[in-house]
Each structure stands twice: as structure tokens, then as C-alpha cells.
Amino acid sequence: MSGGRVLRRLLLGLLLVGSALAAAVLWLNLRGEAPVDDALPPPAASPAQIERGRYLALAGNCAGCHTARGGAAYAGGRPIDTPFGTLYAGNLTPDPLTGLGAWNADHFWRAMHHGRSRDGRLLYPAFPYTSFTQVTREDSDALFAWLRSLPPVTQANRPHALRFPYGTQAALAVWRALYFRPAAFAPEPRRSAEWNRGAYLVGTLGHCIACHGRRNTLGAIDDARGLGGGLLPGQRWYAPALDAPDEAGVAGWPLAEVMALLRTGSTPRGSVLGPMAEVVYGSTQHLHDDDLRAMAVYLQALPQQPPAPAPAQPLRRSATLMQRGETVYAQQCAWCHGDQGQGEPGAFPPLAGNRAVRMADPSNLVQVVRRGGYPPATAGNPRPYGMPPFGHVLGDEDIAAVLSHVRGSWGNDAPEVTARQVMQR
């Protein structure tokens, strides 16, 4: 057999394999999609349906991404930083040229359930359709009805700024073939209606796993880990595990305190800061008590990871580092948190015995010291105490030292924080 014939057969084989893979990717991206009726008339929404849609938008914290700082509500434009570049949230107002004015309920359902835009483009999962796919059609229609009731805002959607090849539809199609499966919410028959309602809110509209789930190098969530904690894409915050008693698990809390944390952002056991403060401010403080209770019931029932084993011996620490940290603490921190890290009830949280201080990942501590930490202002806690930023006062070495001191004092026994770790965060 001549070399030319072998080469032609090899090329033909590669072409056939490539065609088969392309066909498989296409099928995986289209499976389960029903035809969209482009001529479907606008819904004749009742006031009750519109009000329900307004409430669902709060439950999903839609404004958190689709309202730019200082911009019109739901008109999009807010940048969303990711490891692959920057995405910009779309305009959800009913403007016919730049928003959802030309959409109908079928188009919107397809976006929610299948992650596909009105014109057929695949959407990026920064719009968390990987969770929204389980939203019911009834809730999708109500949400769309409410969005159509908003004042239209003419604001063109800003093009995404993603590195090659992540900005291509082909790369997104492959990603979806690997990691996205359209699904419907299936109630667990052995659980109560309240637990199932909580599972629905946490897993679909609340899309809690988008922050509290761990992602792989391509940005896909590891479903097997569930709400086991993860670094926020494009940010420097760590969303702690909701199924770990030494991170953010609430299985041992009184139910009322879990509800209070979601409603007000603060309880005697702790306060929410950073991105979670935005969630409480824009979403959970507005939810009805029965939904807050359902979410609390579900979160308390999560199977808990075993706590990390205590070290056999106290961790070894640099005496020089601890001394430096003690000095910084006395100068900058003891005024509020106390000489022994005891804090001030109702104002400044204790650092002694604080599980947020002892977590293995110190990312959140670095962010709070460097940039400040502020609980949300809510109806139940309108004037929360906050921590001012110290990044303009303390360098990386001082931040590492004071955090090492706090993590190794008053009964705390967590690893030192290095200046390199501070610099990387």
C-alpha cells in the first residue's frame, strides 16, 4: 500500500471521528428541547402572577447580577469576572431592541431550562442555568411576566471579554456536552413538603451551589461534593461548606437562628460578610418566613462531613511571627475584639473559638482585614457594626502576622498564615 493511500485513509478516519464527535456534541446540546413557538403571544398576566414573579426574582437575587452599580434596575451591564475573562450581564427589561421585549414565554423558558438565548445562541453558565434548569415552568412564566412589567430601558448588552477559545460557541458547546444536563426538580417522597420546598429554593432559584460548590479547572461544579465549599470564580472569597460543622454547617443551630441569619445577616453565632452579605441584602431578607423556615430545615438536614481531626500536638509556630502579630493586634484590633479575643456581644464578634477564624482556608480573613467586612443593612438589623479596612495601614507581612496570632491564641489552633498566602489573595 502506497504512503499516499495510507495518508488518505488516515485523514478519512480522522474526518469520520471528528464528524461523529461533532454530531454527539450537537445532540447533547439539543436533547430534550421542545420546538419554540416564535409566534406565541405575550402572556395575559394577572396581578397575582406578576407579584409572584417579583418575589421569585428576589428569591433568585436576579438584580444582584443584572443591575450595574449606579445603573437602571435589571438593565444589565454588570461585569462578572471569571478565570476565563469578563462576562457582562444582559438587559432583562422589556426593551424591544436591547432587552427581552422581543422574547416570549417559550424563549424565556428555553433560556432558564436549556441555557439557550432567543436567537439560539448558547448562554454562558455564569447565568446559572445549571441550577435554573430545575425551575418549574409555572415559576419561569411568572418570572417572565414580572420582567415584562418593568419599565423598558434601552441599554445595549456589552460584548463579553473572554480569552480564546472560551469566547467561542464551539468551546461552550463542548463544555455543555460534558457538564450540563437539562433536568426537572423531583421532590423526595420520603421527605416533608417543607424540606422539599427548601431543597427547591436552595437548589434552583437560590442556586447556592454556584458559590458553595467546588469547581474544576473548566469552571464546572463538582456535583458530587454538593455544597461542600469552594473559591468564588474571579473573586478572592471562599464560600464555606454548608455541610461541615467546622465551616458553615448549621445542623446544630436552633432553627430560629438559621432563619435569623438568612433574614437579618447576623446572629449571636456569627454574621455574613462579603458576597453573602449581598445575597442577604438583595434576596433572603425579603423572603417569607415559611420559605426561610423551609430553607433552614433543608440546610440543617444536609449530611454533615466529619470535622477535621484535631492535631495530635499543638501546631508549631514562629515565635517571631507570633510576637509581631501580638503587637499589631494590640495596636489595631484589641479596641473592638478585646485583649483576649472575647469581642463585644451585639457589636464585635469574638475571635476566640470562632470557626471562621479557624478554617483551613484563610482567604476570607485576608479579605476582611485588607478590605473590611460589613454585614448587610436589613430591616432586622438596620445599623450593623462593621470592620473598617486595614489594607492601607498594614502590609502583607503584618496581615500575615496578626492573622497567625489570632489563629493561634485563646484556644484557637489553626495553621499560620504566610505573607505569600496574603499576597496571593
Protein backbone atom coordinates (compact mmCIF):
# COMPACT_ATOMS: atom_id res chain seq x y z
CA MET A 1 0.00 0.00 0.00
CA SER A 2 1.46 3.36 -1.00
CA GLY A 3 2.17 6.07 1.51
CA GLY A 4 -0.35 8.40 -0.16
CA ARG A 5 -3.18 5.87 0.20
CA VAL A 6 -2.34 5.33 3.89
CA LEU A 7 -2.39 9.08 4.46
CA ARG A 8 -5.76 9.43 2.70
CA ARG A 9 -7.26 6.63 4.81
CA LEU A 10 -5.86 8.20 7.96
CA LEU A 11 -7.33 11.58 7.05
CA LEU A 12 -10.66 9.97 6.20
CA GLY A 13 -10.66 8.17 9.54
CA LEU A 14 -9.92 11.37 11.40
CA LEU A 15 -12.67 13.14 9.46
CA LEU A 16 -15.18 10.44 10.37
CA VAL A 17 -14.19 10.51 14.04
CA GLY A 18 -14.37 14.32 14.08
CA SER A 19 -17.79 14.25 12.41
CA ALA A 20 -19.06 11.69 14.92
CA LEU A 21 -17.82 13.77 17.85
CA ALA A 22 -19.36 16.92 16.40
CA ALA A 23 -22.67 15.12 15.93
CA ALA A 24 -22.54 13.85 19.52
CA VAL A 25 -21.84 17.33 20.86
CA LEU A 26 -24.72 18.73 18.78
CA TRP A 27 -27.10 16.06 20.03
CA LEU A 28 -26.06 16.59 23.65
CA ASN A 29 -26.73 20.31 23.28
CA LEU A 30 -30.16 19.82 21.73
CA ARG A 31 -31.53 16.86 23.68
CA GLY A 32 -34.80 17.43 25.43
CA GLU A 33 -35.51 20.78 23.74
CA ALA A 34 -39.05 21.17 22.52
CA PRO A 35 -39.69 23.39 19.49
CA VAL A 36 -40.08 27.05 20.41
CA ASP A 37 -43.18 28.85 19.19
CA ASP A 38 -41.80 32.17 17.94
CA ALA A 39 -45.34 33.40 17.34
CA LEU A 40 -46.51 32.76 20.92
CA PRO A 41 -48.40 35.91 22.01
CA PRO A 42 -47.40 37.81 25.16
CA PRO A 43 -48.92 36.29 28.30
CA ALA A 44 -52.07 37.80 29.74
CA ALA A 45 -50.54 38.00 33.20
CA SER A 46 -52.67 38.51 36.25
CA PRO A 47 -51.58 40.79 39.10
CA ALA A 48 -51.10 37.68 41.24
CA GLN A 49 -48.76 36.12 38.66
CA ILE A 50 -46.76 39.34 38.33
CA GLU A 51 -46.42 39.62 42.11
CA ARG A 52 -45.30 36.01 42.26
CA GLY A 53 -42.68 36.76 39.61
CA ARG A 54 -41.44 39.74 41.62
CA TYR A 55 -41.00 37.50 44.65
CA LEU A 56 -39.22 34.82 42.61
CA ALA A 57 -36.80 37.44 41.24
CA LEU A 58 -35.91 38.27 44.83
CA ALA A 59 -35.50 34.59 45.68
CA GLY A 60 -33.11 34.23 42.75
CA ASN A 61 -31.33 37.53 43.52
CA CYS A 62 -31.62 38.42 39.82
CA ALA A 63 -30.81 42.07 40.47
CA GLY A 64 -27.51 41.06 42.04
CA CYS A 65 -26.06 40.34 38.60
CA HIS A 66 -28.39 42.17 36.23
CA THR A 67 -28.17 45.62 37.83
CA ALA A 68 -24.92 47.52 37.36
CA ARG A 69 -23.74 49.73 40.16
CA GLY A 70 -25.45 53.08 39.66
CA GLY A 71 -27.39 51.72 36.68
CA ALA A 72 -31.06 51.14 35.96
CA ALA A 73 -32.62 48.13 37.66
CA TYR A 74 -32.32 44.91 35.64
CA ALA A 75 -30.82 46.72 32.64
CA GLY A 76 -27.65 44.61 32.79
CA GLY A 77 -24.08 45.71 32.22
CA ARG A 78 -22.62 44.48 35.48
CA PRO A 79 -19.22 42.82 34.92
CA ILE A 80 -18.79 39.26 36.16
CA ASP A 81 -15.14 38.31 36.49
CA THR A 82 -14.22 34.70 35.82
CA PRO A 83 -10.91 32.83 35.41
CA PHE A 84 -11.58 32.91 31.65
CA GLY A 85 -12.27 36.61 31.24
CA THR A 86 -15.11 39.01 31.95
CA LEU A 87 -18.77 38.45 31.19
CA TYR A 88 -21.41 41.18 31.25
CA ALA A 89 -24.93 40.53 32.50
CA GLY A 90 -27.73 41.05 29.99
CA ASN A 91 -30.60 43.52 29.90
CA LEU A 92 -33.73 41.90 31.36
CA THR A 93 -36.07 44.86 30.90
CA PRO A 94 -38.75 44.60 28.16
CA ASP A 95 -36.97 46.94 25.77
CA PRO A 96 -37.66 45.53 22.28
CA LEU A 97 -34.20 46.27 20.89
CA THR A 98 -31.77 45.59 23.74
CA GLY A 99 -33.80 43.68 26.32
CA LEU A 100 -36.46 40.97 26.45
CA GLY A 101 -39.14 42.92 24.55
CA ALA A 102 -38.99 40.60 21.55
CA TRP A 103 -38.99 37.46 23.69
CA ASN A 104 -41.97 35.33 24.60
CA ALA A 105 -42.55 32.87 27.44
CA ASP A 106 -41.18 29.96 25.38
CA HIS A 107 -37.94 31.81 24.68
CA PHE A 108 -37.55 32.63 28.36
CA TRP A 109 -38.29 29.05 29.42
CA ARG A 110 -35.69 27.76 26.99
CA ALA A 111 -33.11 30.15 28.47
CA MET A 112 -33.91 29.03 32.00
CA HIS A 113 -34.26 25.31 31.29
CA HIS A 114 -31.78 24.80 28.45
CA GLY A 115 -29.39 27.75 28.64
CA ARG A 116 -30.14 28.97 25.12
CA SER A 117 -30.97 32.53 24.09
CA ARG A 118 -33.87 33.68 21.89
CA ASP A 119 -31.67 33.64 18.78
CA GLY A 120 -30.39 30.13 19.54
CA ARG A 121 -27.02 31.12 20.98
CA LEU A 122 -25.71 29.06 23.86
CA LEU A 123 -25.56 31.04 27.10
CA TYR A 124 -22.60 31.07 29.43
CA PRO A 125 -23.18 29.33 32.77
CA ALA A 126 -22.34 32.49 34.69
CA PHE A 127 -26.09 32.76 34.12
CA PRO A 128 -26.66 29.74 36.36
CA TYR A 129 -28.97 27.73 34.14
CA THR A 130 -27.19 24.67 35.52
CA SER A 131 -29.37 25.35 38.59
CA PHE A 132 -32.27 27.18 36.92
CA THR A 133 -32.89 24.18 34.67
CA GLN A 134 -34.92 22.70 37.55
CA VAL A 135 -37.17 25.75 37.96
CA THR A 136 -40.76 24.83 37.14
CA ARG A 137 -42.43 26.15 34.01
CA GLU A 138 -45.04 27.85 36.21
CA ASP A 139 -42.33 29.78 38.07
CA SER A 140 -40.50 30.58 34.82
CA ASP A 141 -43.67 32.05 33.33
CA ALA A 142 -44.36 34.11 36.45
CA LEU A 143 -40.82 35.47 36.49
CA PHE A 144 -41.09 36.38 32.79
CA ALA A 145 -44.45 38.07 33.37
CA TRP A 146 -42.93 40.25 36.07
CA LEU A 147 -39.89 41.16 33.97
CA ARG A 148 -42.25 42.26 31.20
CA SER A 149 -43.94 44.60 33.69
CA LEU A 150 -40.71 46.54 34.31
CA PRO A 151 -40.05 49.90 32.66
CA PRO A 152 -38.13 49.24 29.42
CA VAL A 153 -34.57 50.52 29.40
CA THR A 154 -32.67 50.90 26.14
CA GLN A 155 -29.17 49.74 27.01
CA ALA A 156 -27.22 47.59 24.60
CA ASN A 157 -25.67 44.46 26.01
CA ARG A 158 -21.92 44.82 26.29
CA PRO A 159 -19.88 42.15 24.48
CA HIS A 160 -18.13 39.63 26.69
CA ALA A 161 -14.36 39.81 27.00
CA LEU A 162 -13.26 36.17 27.18
CA ARG A 163 -9.90 34.74 26.19
CA PHE A 164 -9.72 32.42 23.21
CA PRO A 165 -11.13 29.81 22.88
CA TYR A 166 -13.53 30.34 25.78
CA GLY A 167 -15.45 33.02 23.91
CA THR A 168 -16.46 30.69 21.08
CA GLN A 169 -19.76 28.88 20.75
CA ALA A 170 -17.89 25.71 19.79
CA ALA A 171 -15.97 25.66 23.10
CA LEU A 172 -19.16 26.37 25.02
CA ALA A 173 -20.94 23.54 23.20
CA VAL A 174 -18.21 21.10 24.22
CA TRP A 175 -18.38 22.34 27.82
CA ARG A 176 -22.14 21.84 27.90
CA ALA A 177 -21.84 18.38 26.36
CA LEU A 178 -19.50 17.43 29.18
CA TYR A 179 -21.14 19.13 32.14
CA PHE A 180 -24.74 20.25 31.52
CA ARG A 181 -27.86 18.09 31.66
CA PRO A 182 -31.35 19.66 31.49
CA ALA A 183 -33.35 18.43 34.46
CA ALA A 184 -36.60 18.86 36.36
CA PHE A 185 -36.96 19.20 40.10
CA ALA A 186 -38.05 15.89 41.57
CA PRO A 187 -39.48 16.06 45.12
CA GLU A 188 -38.14 13.47 47.51
CA PRO A 189 -41.21 11.47 48.57
CA ARG A 190 -39.64 10.35 51.84
CA ARG A 191 -39.16 13.96 52.92
CA SER A 192 -41.65 16.52 54.17
CA ALA A 193 -43.20 19.17 51.94
CA GLU A 194 -41.25 21.76 53.91
CA TRP A 195 -37.92 20.00 53.25
CA ASN A 196 -38.75 19.72 49.55
CA ARG A 197 -39.63 23.41 49.35
CA GLY A 198 -36.29 24.23 50.96
CA ALA A 199 -34.48 21.91 48.55
CA TYR A 200 -36.17 23.68 45.64
CA LEU A 201 -35.27 27.17 46.85
CA VAL A 202 -31.68 26.30 47.75
CA GLY A 203 -31.01 24.21 44.66
CA THR A 204 -32.82 26.09 41.91
CA LEU A 205 -33.71 29.75 42.32
CA GLY A 206 -31.23 30.30 45.16
CA HIS A 207 -28.50 28.49 43.13
CA CYS A 208 -26.45 28.28 46.34
CA ILE A 209 -24.15 25.69 44.77
CA ALA A 210 -22.91 28.35 42.33
CA CYS A 211 -20.88 29.77 45.22
CA HIS A 212 -20.75 26.97 47.78
CA GLY A 213 -19.78 24.27 45.27
CA ARG A 214 -16.26 23.41 44.18
CA ARG A 215 -15.38 23.92 40.51
CA ASN A 216 -12.90 22.16 38.29
CA THR A 217 -10.36 23.86 36.01
CA LEU A 218 -13.03 24.41 33.33
CA GLY A 219 -15.41 26.06 35.77
CA ALA A 220 -17.84 23.15 36.10
CA ILE A 221 -19.28 22.43 39.54
CA ASP A 222 -18.43 19.13 41.18
CA ASP A 223 -21.97 17.94 41.93
CA ALA A 224 -20.66 15.03 43.98
CA ARG A 225 -19.39 17.50 46.59
CA GLY A 226 -22.68 19.36 46.71
CA LEU A 227 -22.48 22.38 48.99
CA GLY A 228 -19.04 21.40 50.25
CA GLY A 229 -17.44 24.83 49.82
CA GLY A 230 -15.34 26.45 47.14
CA LEU A 231 -13.48 29.55 45.99
CA LEU A 232 -15.67 32.02 44.18
CA PRO A 233 -14.73 32.27 40.48
CA GLY A 234 -12.98 35.54 39.71
CA GLN A 235 -13.07 36.61 43.35
CA ARG A 236 -10.89 36.09 46.39
CA TRP A 237 -13.56 34.88 48.77
CA TYR A 238 -14.11 31.33 49.90
CA ALA A 239 -17.74 30.19 50.23
CA PRO A 240 -17.54 27.84 53.22
CA ALA A 241 -19.02 24.36 53.22
CA LEU A 242 -22.65 24.27 54.28
CA ASP A 243 -22.31 20.63 55.25
CA ALA A 244 -19.34 20.98 57.60
CA PRO A 245 -19.74 21.87 61.28
CA ASP A 246 -16.31 23.49 61.36
CA GLU A 247 -17.13 25.77 58.40
CA ALA A 248 -20.69 26.96 57.79
CA GLY A 249 -22.83 23.95 58.67
CA VAL A 250 -25.91 24.81 60.74
CA ALA A 251 -27.09 21.32 61.69
CA GLY A 252 -26.51 22.04 65.38
CA TRP A 253 -28.08 25.51 65.41
CA PRO A 254 -31.57 26.31 66.68
CA LEU A 255 -33.85 26.61 63.66
CA ALA A 256 -34.82 30.16 64.59
CA GLU A 257 -31.17 31.26 64.45
CA VAL A 258 -30.71 29.86 60.96
CA MET A 259 -33.76 31.78 59.85
CA ALA A 260 -32.49 34.91 61.58
CA LEU A 261 -29.16 34.67 59.78
CA LEU A 262 -30.92 34.48 56.41
CA ARG A 263 -33.33 37.28 57.35
CA THR A 264 -31.01 39.76 59.09
CA GLY A 265 -27.47 38.65 58.24
CA SER A 266 -26.46 38.46 61.89
CA THR A 267 -26.94 36.21 64.92
CA PRO A 268 -25.02 35.74 68.16
CA ARG A 269 -23.23 32.84 66.45
CA GLY A 270 -21.95 34.89 63.54
CA SER A 271 -22.60 37.37 60.74
CA VAL A 272 -22.43 37.17 56.96
CA LEU A 273 -19.84 39.25 55.12
CA GLY A 274 -18.62 39.74 51.59
CA PRO A 275 -20.67 38.21 48.75
CA MET A 276 -23.06 36.50 51.19
CA ALA A 277 -23.92 39.90 52.66
CA GLU A 278 -25.06 40.93 49.17
CA VAL A 279 -27.25 37.82 48.97
CA VAL A 280 -28.94 38.56 52.28
CA TYR A 281 -29.36 42.24 51.39
CA GLY A 282 -30.79 41.64 47.93
CA SER A 283 -32.56 38.33 48.39
CA THR A 284 -33.13 36.35 51.55
CA GLN A 285 -34.18 39.22 53.82
CA HIS A 286 -37.19 39.69 51.51
CA LEU A 287 -38.40 36.08 51.63
CA HIS A 288 -41.47 34.96 53.54
CA ASP A 289 -40.97 33.28 56.88
CA ASP A 290 -42.31 29.95 55.62
CA ASP A 291 -39.71 29.92 52.84
CA LEU A 292 -36.92 30.92 55.20
CA ARG A 293 -38.00 28.13 57.50
CA ALA A 294 -38.06 25.64 54.63
CA MET A 295 -34.53 26.64 53.60
CA ALA A 296 -33.35 26.33 57.19
CA VAL A 297 -34.93 22.88 57.52
CA TYR A 298 -33.20 21.73 54.34
CA LEU A 299 -29.80 23.16 55.30
CA GLN A 300 -29.98 21.60 58.75
CA ALA A 301 -30.74 18.21 57.23
CA LEU A 302 -27.69 18.16 54.96
CA PRO A 303 -25.48 15.14 55.69
CA GLN A 304 -22.55 16.55 57.62
CA GLN A 305 -18.90 16.00 56.81
CA PRO A 306 -16.93 14.69 59.78
CA PRO A 307 -14.99 17.50 61.48
CA ALA A 308 -11.31 17.71 60.69
CA PRO A 309 -9.33 15.69 63.24
CA ALA A 310 -7.55 17.76 65.86
CA PRO A 311 -3.76 17.71 65.56
CA ALA A 312 -2.08 15.25 67.88
CA GLN A 313 0.16 18.04 69.12
CA PRO A 314 -0.22 21.84 69.05
CA LEU A 315 0.96 23.33 65.79
CA ARG A 316 4.47 24.71 65.79
CA ARG A 317 4.60 28.46 65.30
CA SER A 318 7.27 31.03 64.66
CA ALA A 319 7.86 32.95 67.91
CA THR A 320 8.95 35.99 65.90
CA LEU A 321 5.80 35.91 63.78
CA MET A 322 3.53 35.49 66.78
CA GLN A 323 5.19 38.34 68.64
CA ARG A 324 4.81 40.63 65.65
CA GLY A 325 1.17 39.60 65.33
CA GLU A 326 0.51 40.23 69.01
CA THR A 327 1.91 43.74 68.66
CA VAL A 328 -0.23 44.51 65.61
CA TYR A 329 -3.29 43.08 67.34
CA ALA A 330 -2.78 45.25 70.41
CA GLN A 331 -2.39 48.35 68.25
CA GLN A 332 -5.19 47.79 65.75
CA CYS A 333 -7.64 45.11 66.88
CA ALA A 334 -7.96 44.88 70.66
CA TRP A 335 -10.03 48.07 70.85
CA CYS A 336 -13.02 46.20 69.43
CA HIS A 337 -12.29 42.49 69.72
CA GLY A 338 -10.83 42.61 73.25
CA ASP A 339 -7.45 41.73 74.72
CA GLN A 340 -8.40 38.05 74.81
CA GLY A 341 -10.38 37.98 71.58
CA GLN A 342 -13.64 37.94 73.52
CA GLY A 343 -15.39 40.54 71.38
CA GLU A 344 -18.38 42.64 72.42
CA PRO A 345 -21.83 40.97 72.36
CA GLY A 346 -24.13 42.58 69.84
CA ALA A 347 -21.34 44.60 68.29
CA PHE A 348 -17.99 42.96 67.58
CA PRO A 349 -17.69 39.20 67.11
CA PRO A 350 -15.43 37.16 69.36
CA LEU A 351 -12.30 35.78 67.74
CA ALA A 352 -11.64 33.18 70.42
CA GLY A 353 -13.32 29.93 69.39
CA ASN A 354 -14.64 31.48 66.17
CA ARG A 355 -14.89 28.81 63.47
CA ALA A 356 -14.49 31.42 60.71
CA VAL A 357 -11.08 32.24 62.23
CA ARG A 358 -10.04 28.59 62.38
CA MET A 359 -10.99 27.49 58.86
CA ALA A 360 -8.21 25.87 56.88
CA ASP A 361 -8.58 28.39 54.05
CA PRO A 362 -7.69 31.88 55.34
CA SER A 363 -8.98 33.71 52.24
CA ASN A 364 -11.93 35.36 53.97
CA LEU A 365 -9.82 36.56 56.88
CA VAL A 366 -7.38 38.21 54.48
CA GLN A 367 -10.23 39.91 52.62
CA VAL A 368 -11.83 41.20 55.82
CA VAL A 369 -8.59 42.62 57.21
CA ARG A 370 -7.48 44.10 53.91
CA ARG A 371 -10.79 45.43 52.58
CA GLY A 372 -13.10 45.48 55.57
CA GLY A 373 -16.13 43.39 56.39
CA TYR A 374 -19.67 44.66 56.63
CA PRO A 375 -22.84 42.72 57.39
CA PRO A 376 -25.85 43.81 55.31
CA ALA A 377 -28.19 46.52 56.47
CA THR A 378 -31.53 44.75 56.82
CA ALA A 379 -34.91 45.50 58.32
CA GLY A 380 -34.00 43.31 61.27
CA ASN A 381 -30.53 44.81 61.69
CA PRO A 382 -30.61 48.27 60.08
CA ARG A 383 -27.34 49.54 61.54
CA PRO A 384 -24.92 46.63 61.70
CA TYR A 385 -21.46 47.06 63.10
CA GLY A 386 -18.74 46.56 60.53
CA MET A 387 -14.99 46.28 60.35
CA PRO A 388 -13.06 49.01 58.54
CA PRO A 389 -10.35 48.10 56.02
CA PHE A 390 -6.75 47.92 57.17
CA GLY A 391 -5.09 47.34 53.81
CA HIS A 392 -3.90 50.95 53.71
CA VAL A 393 -2.32 50.56 57.16
CA LEU A 394 -0.95 47.01 57.22
CA GLY A 395 1.33 45.38 54.69
CA ASP A 396 1.21 41.72 53.72
CA GLU A 397 3.70 40.74 56.44
CA ASP A 398 1.69 42.48 59.16
CA ILE A 399 -1.59 40.95 57.95
CA ALA A 400 0.01 37.51 57.94
CA ALA A 401 1.40 38.08 61.42
CA VAL A 402 -1.80 39.33 63.04
CA LEU A 403 -3.87 36.56 61.46
CA SER A 404 -1.35 33.97 62.63
CA HIS A 405 -1.60 35.42 66.13
CA VAL A 406 -5.41 35.30 66.11
CA ARG A 407 -5.46 31.75 64.69
CA GLY A 408 -3.03 30.55 67.36
CA SER A 409 -4.32 32.27 70.50
CA TRP A 410 -7.12 31.91 73.09
CA GLY A 411 -7.67 28.23 72.32
CA ASN A 412 -7.55 28.62 68.53
CA ASP A 413 -5.11 26.22 66.88
CA ALA A 414 -5.15 26.85 63.13
CA PRO A 415 -2.10 26.98 60.85
CA GLU A 416 -0.04 30.12 60.40
CA VAL A 417 -0.79 32.48 57.56
CA THR A 418 2.21 33.39 55.42
CA ALA A 419 2.89 36.65 53.63
CA ARG A 420 2.83 34.69 50.38
CA GLN A 421 -0.70 33.50 51.10
CA VAL A 422 -1.76 37.07 51.82
CA MET A 423 -0.17 38.30 48.59
CA GLN A 424 -1.93 35.59 46.57
CA ARG A 425 -5.29 36.63 47.97
